[in-house]
Amino acid sequence: PAVCVIMSILGICIGQYQPLPFCLDITFALLPFF
């Protein structure tokens, strides 16, 4: 759970400045839902 939250926060922060290819930043943000 900690890894999922950390990667989620990382994805959210990256996405606010620069979207990654193939929505990878959103993918990281989604991990808590999985």
PDB file of all heavy atoms in Angstrom:
ATOM      1  N   PRO A   1       0.809  -1.231   0.000  1.00  0.00           N
ATOM      2  CA  PRO A   1       0.000   0.000   0.000  1.00  0.00           C
ATOM      3  C   PRO A   1       0.832   1.266   0.000  1.00  0.00           C
ATOM      4  O   PRO A   1       0.498   2.246  -0.675  1.00  0.00           O
ATOM      5  CB  PRO A   1      -0.843  -0.128   1.273  1.00  0.00           C
ATOM      6  CG  PRO A   1      -0.164  -1.145   2.105  1.00  0.00           C
ATOM      7  CD  PRO A   1       0.504  -2.075   1.156  1.00  0.00           C
ATOM      8  N   ALA A   2       1.952   1.251   0.726  1.00  0.00           N
ATOM      9  CA  ALA A   2       2.826   2.424   0.768  1.00  0.00           C
ATOM     10  C   ALA A   2       3.446   2.683  -0.604  1.00  0.00           C
ATOM     11  O   ALA A   2       3.527   3.835  -1.057  1.00  0.00           O
ATOM     12  CB  ALA A   2       3.928   2.229   1.814  1.00  0.00           C
ATOM     13  N   VAL A   3       3.868   1.608  -1.281  1.00  0.00           N
ATOM     14  CA  VAL A   3       4.449   1.751  -2.622  1.00  0.00           C
ATOM     15  C   VAL A   3       3.420   2.326  -3.588  1.00  0.00           C
ATOM     16  O   VAL A   3       3.726   3.220  -4.390  1.00  0.00           O
ATOM     17  CB  VAL A   3       4.971   0.394  -3.129  1.00  0.00           C
ATOM     18  CG1 VAL A   3       5.374   0.479  -4.602  1.00  0.00           C
ATOM     19  CG2 VAL A   3       6.160  -0.070  -2.294  1.00  0.00           C
ATOM     20  N   CYS A   4       2.195   1.826  -3.508  1.00  0.00           N
ATOM     21  CA  CYS A   4       1.130   2.314  -4.406  1.00  0.00           C
ATOM     22  C   CYS A   4       0.849   3.792  -4.163  1.00  0.00           C
ATOM     23  O   CYS A   4       0.676   4.561  -5.123  1.00  0.00           O
ATOM     24  CB  CYS A   4      -0.141   1.497  -4.202  1.00  0.00           C
ATOM     25  SG  CYS A   4      -0.053  -0.189  -4.852  1.00  0.00           S
ATOM     26  N   VAL A   5       0.797   4.205  -2.901  1.00  0.00           N
ATOM     27  CA  VAL A   5       0.529   5.611  -2.581  1.00  0.00           C
ATOM     28  C   VAL A   5       1.668   6.496  -3.055  1.00  0.00           C
ATOM     29  O   VAL A   5       1.454   7.566  -3.642  1.00  0.00           O
ATOM     30  CB  VAL A   5       0.289   5.782  -1.067  1.00  0.00           C
ATOM     31  CG1 VAL A   5       0.262   7.269  -0.690  1.00  0.00           C
ATOM     32  CG2 VAL A   5      -1.016   5.114  -0.649  1.00  0.00           C
ATOM     33  N   ILE A   6       2.910   6.078  -2.805  1.00  0.00           N
ATOM     34  CA  ILE A   6       4.074   6.873  -3.213  1.00  0.00           C
ATOM     35  C   ILE A   6       4.108   7.030  -4.733  1.00  0.00           C
ATOM     36  O   ILE A   6       4.314   8.139  -5.260  1.00  0.00           O
ATOM     37  CB  ILE A   6       5.382   6.222  -2.710  1.00  0.00           C
ATOM     38  CG1 ILE A   6       5.455   6.327  -1.186  1.00  0.00           C
ATOM     39  CG2 ILE A   6       6.601   6.884  -3.356  1.00  0.00           C
ATOM     40  CD1 ILE A   6       6.580   5.523  -0.572  1.00  0.00           C
ATOM     41  N   MET A   7       3.883   5.940  -5.452  1.00  0.00           N
ATOM     42  CA  MET A   7       3.887   6.014  -6.919  1.00  0.00           C
ATOM     43  C   MET A   7       2.705   6.845  -7.428  1.00  0.00           C
ATOM     44  O   MET A   7       2.826   7.556  -8.429  1.00  0.00           O
ATOM     45  CB  MET A   7       3.850   4.612  -7.521  1.00  0.00           C
ATOM     46  CG  MET A   7       5.121   3.815  -7.281  1.00  0.00           C
ATOM     47  SD  MET A   7       5.156   2.216  -8.139  1.00  0.00           S
ATOM     48  CE  MET A   7       5.291   2.753  -9.846  1.00  0.00           C
ATOM     49  N   SER A   8       1.593   6.771  -6.707  1.00  0.00           N
ATOM     50  CA  SER A   8       0.430   7.585  -7.079  1.00  0.00           C
ATOM     51  C   SER A   8       0.739   9.071  -6.954  1.00  0.00           C
ATOM     52  O   SER A   8       0.466   9.862  -7.865  1.00  0.00           O
ATOM     53  CB  SER A   8      -0.762   7.217  -6.200  1.00  0.00           C
ATOM     54  OG  SER A   8      -1.862   8.063  -6.450  1.00  0.00           O
ATOM     55  N   ILE A   9       1.331   9.450  -5.837  1.00  0.00           N
ATOM     56  CA  ILE A   9       1.702  10.857  -5.632  1.00  0.00           C
ATOM     57  C   ILE A   9       2.715  11.304  -6.672  1.00  0.00           C
ATOM     58  O   ILE A   9       2.636  12.420  -7.210  1.00  0.00           O
ATOM     59  CB  ILE A   9       2.249  11.057  -4.206  1.00  0.00           C
ATOM     60  CG1 ILE A   9       1.146  10.801  -3.176  1.00  0.00           C
ATOM     61  CG2 ILE A   9       2.814  12.464  -4.033  1.00  0.00           C
ATOM     62  CD1 ILE A   9       1.627  10.792  -1.743  1.00  0.00           C
ATOM     63  N   LEU A  10       3.665  10.425  -6.976  1.00  0.00           N
ATOM     64  CA  LEU A  10       4.670  10.732  -7.996  1.00  0.00           C
ATOM     65  C   LEU A  10       3.998  10.966  -9.347  1.00  0.00           C
ATOM     66  O   LEU A  10       4.306  11.943 -10.052  1.00  0.00           O
ATOM     67  CB  LEU A  10       5.669   9.576  -8.099  1.00  0.00           C
ATOM     68  CG  LEU A  10       6.795   9.738  -9.129  1.00  0.00           C
ATOM     69  CD1 LEU A  10       7.697  10.910  -8.753  1.00  0.00           C
ATOM     70  CD2 LEU A  10       7.620   8.452  -9.208  1.00  0.00           C
ATOM     71  N   GLY A  11       3.067  10.100  -9.726  1.00  0.00           N
ATOM     72  CA  GLY A  11       2.361  10.254 -10.991  1.00  0.00           C
ATOM     73  C   GLY A  11       1.549  11.537 -11.046  1.00  0.00           C
ATOM     74  O   GLY A  11       1.529  12.235 -12.072  1.00  0.00           O
ATOM     75  N   ILE A  12       0.878  11.863  -9.945  1.00  0.00           N
ATOM     76  CA  ILE A  12       0.076  13.091  -9.889  1.00  0.00           C
ATOM     77  C   ILE A  12       0.966  14.318 -10.048  1.00  0.00           C
ATOM     78  O   ILE A  12       0.650  15.238 -10.813  1.00  0.00           O
ATOM     79  CB  ILE A  12      -0.704  13.153  -8.566  1.00  0.00           C
ATOM     80  CG1 ILE A  12      -1.819  12.097  -8.559  1.00  0.00           C
ATOM     81  CG2 ILE A  12      -1.300  14.544  -8.346  1.00  0.00           C
ATOM     82  CD1 ILE A  12      -2.501  11.938  -7.219  1.00  0.00           C
ATOM     83  N   CYS A  13       2.087  14.332  -9.334  1.00  0.00           N
ATOM     84  CA  CYS A  13       2.998  15.491  -9.392  1.00  0.00           C
ATOM     85  C   CYS A  13       3.602  15.649 -10.783  1.00  0.00           C
ATOM     86  O   CYS A  13       3.658  16.772 -11.314  1.00  0.00           O
ATOM     87  CB  CYS A  13       4.108  15.327  -8.351  1.00  0.00           C
ATOM     88  SG  CYS A  13       3.535  15.431  -6.634  1.00  0.00           S
ATOM     89  N   ILE A  14       4.041  14.561 -11.376  1.00  0.00           N
ATOM     90  CA  ILE A  14       4.625  14.639 -12.719  1.00  0.00           C
ATOM     91  C   ILE A  14       3.589  15.134 -13.719  1.00  0.00           C
ATOM     92  O   ILE A  14       3.873  15.991 -14.567  1.00  0.00           O
ATOM     93  CB  ILE A  14       5.173  13.264 -13.153  1.00  0.00           C
ATOM     94  CG1 ILE A  14       6.387  12.878 -12.310  1.00  0.00           C
ATOM     95  CG2 ILE A  14       5.549  13.270 -14.651  1.00  0.00           C
ATOM     96  CD1 ILE A  14       6.882  11.466 -12.563  1.00  0.00           C
ATOM     97  N   GLY A  15       2.357  14.616 -13.608  1.00  0.00           N
ATOM     98  CA  GLY A  15       1.310  14.969 -14.559  1.00  0.00           C
ATOM     99  C   GLY A  15       0.918  16.429 -14.525  1.00  0.00           C
ATOM    100  O   GLY A  15       0.403  16.963 -15.517  1.00  0.00           O
ATOM    101  N   GLN A  16       1.141  17.101 -13.395  1.00  0.00           N
ATOM    102  CA  GLN A  16       0.814  18.525 -13.307  1.00  0.00           C
ATOM    103  C   GLN A  16       1.785  19.388 -14.123  1.00  0.00           C
ATOM    104  O   GLN A  16       1.451  20.517 -14.495  1.00  0.00           O
ATOM    105  CB  GLN A  16       0.845  18.990 -11.846  1.00  0.00           C
ATOM    106  CG  GLN A  16      -0.108  18.256 -10.934  1.00  0.00           C
ATOM    107  CD  GLN A  16      -1.533  18.223 -11.456  1.00  0.00           C
ATOM    108  OE1 GLN A  16      -2.160  19.257 -11.643  1.00  0.00           O
ATOM    109  NE2 GLN A  16      -2.045  17.017 -11.704  1.00  0.00           N
ATOM    110  N   TYR A  17       2.966  18.855 -14.405  1.00  0.00           N
ATOM    111  CA  TYR A  17       3.979  19.624 -15.126  1.00  0.00           C
ATOM    112  C   TYR A  17       4.216  19.105 -16.546  1.00  0.00           C
ATOM    113  O   TYR A  17       4.397  19.895 -17.472  1.00  0.00           O
ATOM    114  CB  TYR A  17       5.299  19.598 -14.338  1.00  0.00           C
ATOM    115  CG  TYR A  17       5.191  20.284 -13.003  1.00  0.00           C
ATOM    116  CD1 TYR A  17       4.973  19.550 -11.843  1.00  0.00           C
ATOM    117  CD2 TYR A  17       5.270  21.676 -12.891  1.00  0.00           C
ATOM    118  CE1 TYR A  17       4.852  20.180 -10.603  1.00  0.00           C
ATOM    119  CE2 TYR A  17       5.154  22.303 -11.663  1.00  0.00           C
ATOM    120  CZ  TYR A  17       4.941  21.551 -10.528  1.00  0.00           C
ATOM    121  OH  TYR A  17       4.813  22.182  -9.308  1.00  0.00           O
ATOM    122  N   GLN A  18       4.206  17.772 -16.697  1.00  0.00           N
ATOM    123  CA  GLN A  18       4.466  17.229 -18.023  1.00  0.00           C
ATOM    124  C   GLN A  18       3.854  15.840 -18.166  1.00  0.00           C
ATOM    125  O   GLN A  18       4.300  14.891 -17.515  1.00  0.00           O
ATOM    126  CB  GLN A  18       5.973  17.141 -18.292  1.00  0.00           C
ATOM    127  CG  GLN A  18       6.313  16.670 -19.689  1.00  0.00           C
ATOM    128  CD  GLN A  18       5.707  17.589 -20.754  1.00  0.00           C
ATOM    129  OE1 GLN A  18       6.149  18.716 -20.930  1.00  0.00           O
ATOM    130  NE2 GLN A  18       4.694  17.109 -21.454  1.00  0.00           N
ATOM    131  N   PRO A  19       2.826  15.690 -18.993  1.00  0.00           N
ATOM    132  CA  PRO A  19       2.255  14.360 -19.221  1.00  0.00           C
ATOM    133  C   PRO A  19       3.299  13.407 -19.794  1.00  0.00           C
ATOM    134  O   PRO A  19       4.108  13.791 -20.636  1.00  0.00           O
ATOM    135  CB  PRO A  19       1.138  14.631 -20.243  1.00  0.00           C
ATOM    136  CG  PRO A  19       0.814  16.088 -20.078  1.00  0.00           C
ATOM    137  CD  PRO A  19       2.106  16.744 -19.734  1.00  0.00           C
ATOM    138  N   LEU A  20       3.268  12.168 -19.331  1.00  0.00           N
ATOM    139  CA  LEU A  20       4.196  11.160 -19.828  1.00  0.00           C
ATOM    140  C   LEU A  20       3.574  10.391 -20.987  1.00  0.00           C
ATOM    141  O   LEU A  20       2.353  10.370 -21.151  1.00  0.00           O
ATOM    142  CB  LEU A  20       4.566  10.188 -18.699  1.00  0.00           C
ATOM    143  CG  LEU A  20       5.339  10.779 -17.523  1.00  0.00           C
ATOM    144  CD1 LEU A  20       5.646   9.684 -16.500  1.00  0.00           C
ATOM    145  CD2 LEU A  20       6.620  11.456 -17.970  1.00  0.00           C
ATOM    146  N   PRO A  21       4.406   9.759 -21.813  1.00  0.00           N
ATOM    147  CA  PRO A  21       3.871   8.968 -22.939  1.00  0.00           C
ATOM    148  C   PRO A  21       2.908   7.883 -22.458  1.00  0.00           C
ATOM    149  O   PRO A  21       3.090   7.294 -21.389  1.00  0.00           O
ATOM    150  CB  PRO A  21       5.126   8.361 -23.566  1.00  0.00           C
ATOM    151  CG  PRO A  21       6.236   9.274 -23.167  1.00  0.00           C
ATOM    152  CD  PRO A  21       5.883   9.779 -21.806  1.00  0.00           C
ATOM    153  N   PHE A  22       1.875   7.631 -23.265  1.00  0.00           N
ATOM    154  CA  PHE A  22       0.891   6.585 -23.014  1.00  0.00           C
ATOM    155  C   PHE A  22       0.246   6.701 -21.624  1.00  0.00           C
ATOM    156  O   PHE A  22      -0.038   5.694 -20.976  1.00  0.00           O
ATOM    157  CB  PHE A  22       1.522   5.201 -23.202  1.00  0.00           C
ATOM    158  CG  PHE A  22       2.150   5.000 -24.544  1.00  0.00           C
ATOM    159  CD1 PHE A  22       3.526   4.894 -24.675  1.00  0.00           C
ATOM    160  CD2 PHE A  22       1.359   4.967 -25.689  1.00  0.00           C
ATOM    161  CE1 PHE A  22       4.113   4.730 -25.920  1.00  0.00           C
ATOM    162  CE2 PHE A  22       1.945   4.797 -26.942  1.00  0.00           C
ATOM    163  CZ  PHE A  22       3.316   4.680 -27.063  1.00  0.00           C
ATOM    164  N   CYS A  23       0.064   7.953 -21.188  1.00  0.00           N
ATOM    165  CA  CYS A  23      -0.633   8.231 -19.915  1.00  0.00           C
ATOM    166  C   CYS A  23       0.043   7.558 -18.726  1.00  0.00           C
ATOM    167  O   CYS A  23      -0.622   7.171 -17.754  1.00  0.00           O
ATOM    168  CB  CYS A  23      -2.088   7.794 -19.970  1.00  0.00           C
ATOM    169  SG  CYS A  23      -3.043   8.416 -21.352  1.00  0.00           S
ATOM    170  N   LEU A  24       1.366   7.402 -18.775  1.00  0.00           N
ATOM    171  CA  LEU A  24       2.051   6.664 -17.719  1.00  0.00           C
ATOM    172  C   LEU A  24       1.917   7.365 -16.369  1.00  0.00           C
ATOM    173  O   LEU A  24       1.859   6.702 -15.321  1.00  0.00           O
ATOM    174  CB  LEU A  24       3.525   6.477 -18.082  1.00  0.00           C
ATOM    175  CG  LEU A  24       4.298   5.449 -17.251  1.00  0.00           C
ATOM    176  CD1 LEU A  24       3.651   4.073 -17.358  1.00  0.00           C
ATOM    177  CD2 LEU A  24       5.761   5.380 -17.689  1.00  0.00           C
ATOM    178  N   ASP A  25       1.877   8.704 -16.364  1.00  0.00           N
ATOM    179  CA  ASP A  25       1.695   9.409 -15.096  1.00  0.00           C
ATOM    180  C   ASP A  25       0.322   9.113 -14.499  1.00  0.00           C
ATOM    181  O   ASP A  25       0.183   8.933 -13.280  1.00  0.00           O
ATOM    182  CB  ASP A  25       1.882  10.915 -15.284  1.00  0.00           C
ATOM    183  CG  ASP A  25       0.966  11.492 -16.353  1.00  0.00           C
ATOM    184  OD1 ASP A  25       1.099  11.097 -17.523  1.00  0.00           O
ATOM    185  OD2 ASP A  25       0.105  12.330 -16.020  1.00  0.00           O
ATOM    186  N   ILE A  26      -0.715   9.036 -15.341  1.00  0.00           N
ATOM    187  CA  ILE A  26      -2.056   8.672 -14.859  1.00  0.00           C
ATOM    188  C   ILE A  26      -2.055   7.226 -14.371  1.00  0.00           C
ATOM    189  O   ILE A  26      -2.692   6.898 -13.359  1.00  0.00           O
ATOM    190  CB  ILE A  26      -3.113   8.848 -15.963  1.00  0.00           C
ATOM    191  CG1 ILE A  26      -3.154  10.295 -16.457  1.00  0.00           C
ATOM    192  CG2 ILE A  26      -4.489   8.436 -15.458  1.00  0.00           C
ATOM    193  CD1 ILE A  26      -4.148  10.541 -17.583  1.00  0.00           C
ATOM    194  N   THR A  27      -1.326   6.372 -15.068  1.00  0.00           N
ATOM    195  CA  THR A  27      -1.236   4.969 -14.672  1.00  0.00           C
ATOM    196  C   THR A  27      -0.680   4.841 -13.268  1.00  0.00           C
ATOM    197  O   THR A  27      -1.195   4.076 -12.444  1.00  0.00           O
ATOM    198  CB  THR A  27      -0.345   4.195 -15.663  1.00  0.00           C
ATOM    199  OG1 THR A  27      -0.919   4.273 -16.968  1.00  0.00           O
ATOM    200  CG2 THR A  27      -0.225   2.739 -15.255  1.00  0.00           C
ATOM    201  N   PHE A  28       0.391   5.593 -12.958  1.00  0.00           N
ATOM    202  CA  PHE A  28       0.938   5.586 -11.595  1.00  0.00           C
ATOM    203  C   PHE A  28      -0.107   6.090 -10.599  1.00  0.00           C
ATOM    204  O   PHE A  28      -0.267   5.531  -9.506  1.00  0.00           O
ATOM    205  CB  PHE A  28       2.183   6.471 -11.513  1.00  0.00           C
ATOM    206  CG  PHE A  28       3.403   5.890 -12.175  1.00  0.00           C
ATOM    207  CD1 PHE A  28       4.474   6.699 -12.511  1.00  0.00           C
ATOM    208  CD2 PHE A  28       3.482   4.541 -12.477  1.00  0.00           C
ATOM    209  CE1 PHE A  28       5.605   6.180 -13.126  1.00  0.00           C
ATOM    210  CE2 PHE A  28       4.599   4.004 -13.094  1.00  0.00           C
ATOM    211  CZ  PHE A  28       5.671   4.825 -13.414  1.00  0.00           C
ATOM    212  N   ALA A  29      -0.825   7.138 -10.996  1.00  0.00           N
ATOM    213  CA  ALA A  29      -1.834   7.719 -10.107  1.00  0.00           C
ATOM    214  C   ALA A  29      -2.951   6.738  -9.789  1.00  0.00           C
ATOM    215  O   ALA A  29      -3.596   6.829  -8.743  1.00  0.00           O
ATOM    216  CB  ALA A  29      -2.415   8.987 -10.738  1.00  0.00           C
ATOM    217  N   LEU A  30      -3.188   5.781 -10.684  1.00  0.00           N
ATOM    218  CA  LEU A  30      -4.287   4.820 -10.525  1.00  0.00           C
ATOM    219  C   LEU A  30      -3.986   3.684  -9.558  1.00  0.00           C
ATOM    220  O   LEU A  30      -4.904   2.982  -9.123  1.00  0.00           O
ATOM    221  CB  LEU A  30      -4.621   4.192 -11.886  1.00  0.00           C
ATOM    222  CG  LEU A  30      -5.223   5.082 -12.953  1.00  0.00           C
ATOM    223  CD1 LEU A  30      -5.280   4.328 -14.277  1.00  0.00           C
ATOM    224  CD2 LEU A  30      -6.601   5.539 -12.555  1.00  0.00           C
ATOM    225  N   LEU A  31      -2.742   3.471  -9.210  1.00  0.00           N
ATOM    226  CA  LEU A  31      -2.355   2.263  -8.478  1.00  0.00           C
ATOM    227  C   LEU A  31      -3.130   2.035  -7.174  1.00  0.00           C
ATOM    228  O   LEU A  31      -3.471   0.887  -6.859  1.00  0.00           O
ATOM    229  CB  LEU A  31      -0.848   2.280  -8.218  1.00  0.00           C
ATOM    230  CG  LEU A  31       0.016   2.081  -9.477  1.00  0.00           C
ATOM    231  CD1 LEU A  31       1.496   2.241  -9.149  1.00  0.00           C
ATOM    232  CD2 LEU A  31      -0.243   0.716 -10.100  1.00  0.00           C
ATOM    233  N   PRO A  32      -3.454   3.076  -6.388  1.00  0.00           N
ATOM    234  CA  PRO A  32      -4.257   2.816  -5.180  1.00  0.00           C
ATOM    235  C   PRO A  32      -5.617   2.186  -5.482  1.00  0.00           C
ATOM    236  O   PRO A  32      -6.138   1.420  -4.662  1.00  0.00           O
ATOM    237  CB  PRO A  32      -4.416   4.217  -4.557  1.00  0.00           C
ATOM    238  CG  PRO A  32      -3.224   4.968  -5.024  1.00  0.00           C
ATOM    239  CD  PRO A  32      -2.994   4.482  -6.423  1.00  0.00           C
ATOM    240  N   PHE A  33      -6.189   2.498  -6.627  1.00  0.00           N
ATOM    241  CA  PHE A  33      -7.485   1.913  -6.968  1.00  0.00           C
ATOM    242  C   PHE A  33      -7.362   0.410  -7.220  1.00  0.00           C
ATOM    243  O   PHE A  33      -8.239  -0.367  -6.836  1.00  0.00           O
ATOM    244  CB  PHE A  33      -8.082   2.604  -8.189  1.00  0.00           C
ATOM    245  CG  PHE A  33      -8.360   4.069  -7.979  1.00  0.00           C
ATOM    246  CD1 PHE A  33      -7.922   5.013  -8.895  1.00  0.00           C
ATOM    247  CD2 PHE A  33      -9.041   4.499  -6.855  1.00  0.00           C
ATOM    248  CE1 PHE A  33      -8.174   6.361  -8.705  1.00  0.00           C
ATOM    249  CE2 PHE A  33      -9.310   5.847  -6.655  1.00  0.00           C
ATOM    250  CZ  PHE A  33      -8.867   6.779  -7.576  1.00  0.00           C
ATOM    251  N   PHE A  34      -6.272  -0.002  -7.860  1.00  0.00           N
ATOM    252  CA  PHE A  34      -6.056  -1.432  -8.055  1.00  0.00           C
ATOM    253  C   PHE A  34      -5.827  -2.134  -6.718  1.00  0.00           C
ATOM    254  O   PHE A  34      -6.279  -3.265  -6.511  1.00  0.00           O
ATOM    255  CB  PHE A  34      -4.867  -1.672  -8.992  1.00  0.00           C
ATOM    256  CG  PHE A  34      -5.120  -1.246 -10.410  1.00  0.00           C
ATOM    257  CD1 PHE A  34      -4.573  -0.076 -10.909  1.00  0.00           C
ATOM    258  CD2 PHE A  34      -5.931  -2.004 -11.240  1.00  0.00           C
ATOM    259  CE1 PHE A  34      -4.817   0.330 -12.217  1.00  0.00           C
ATOM    260  CE2 PHE A  34      -6.185  -1.613 -12.541  1.00  0.00           C
ATOM    261  CZ  PHE A  34      -5.627  -0.439 -13.033  1.00  0.00           C
TER     262      PHE A  34
END
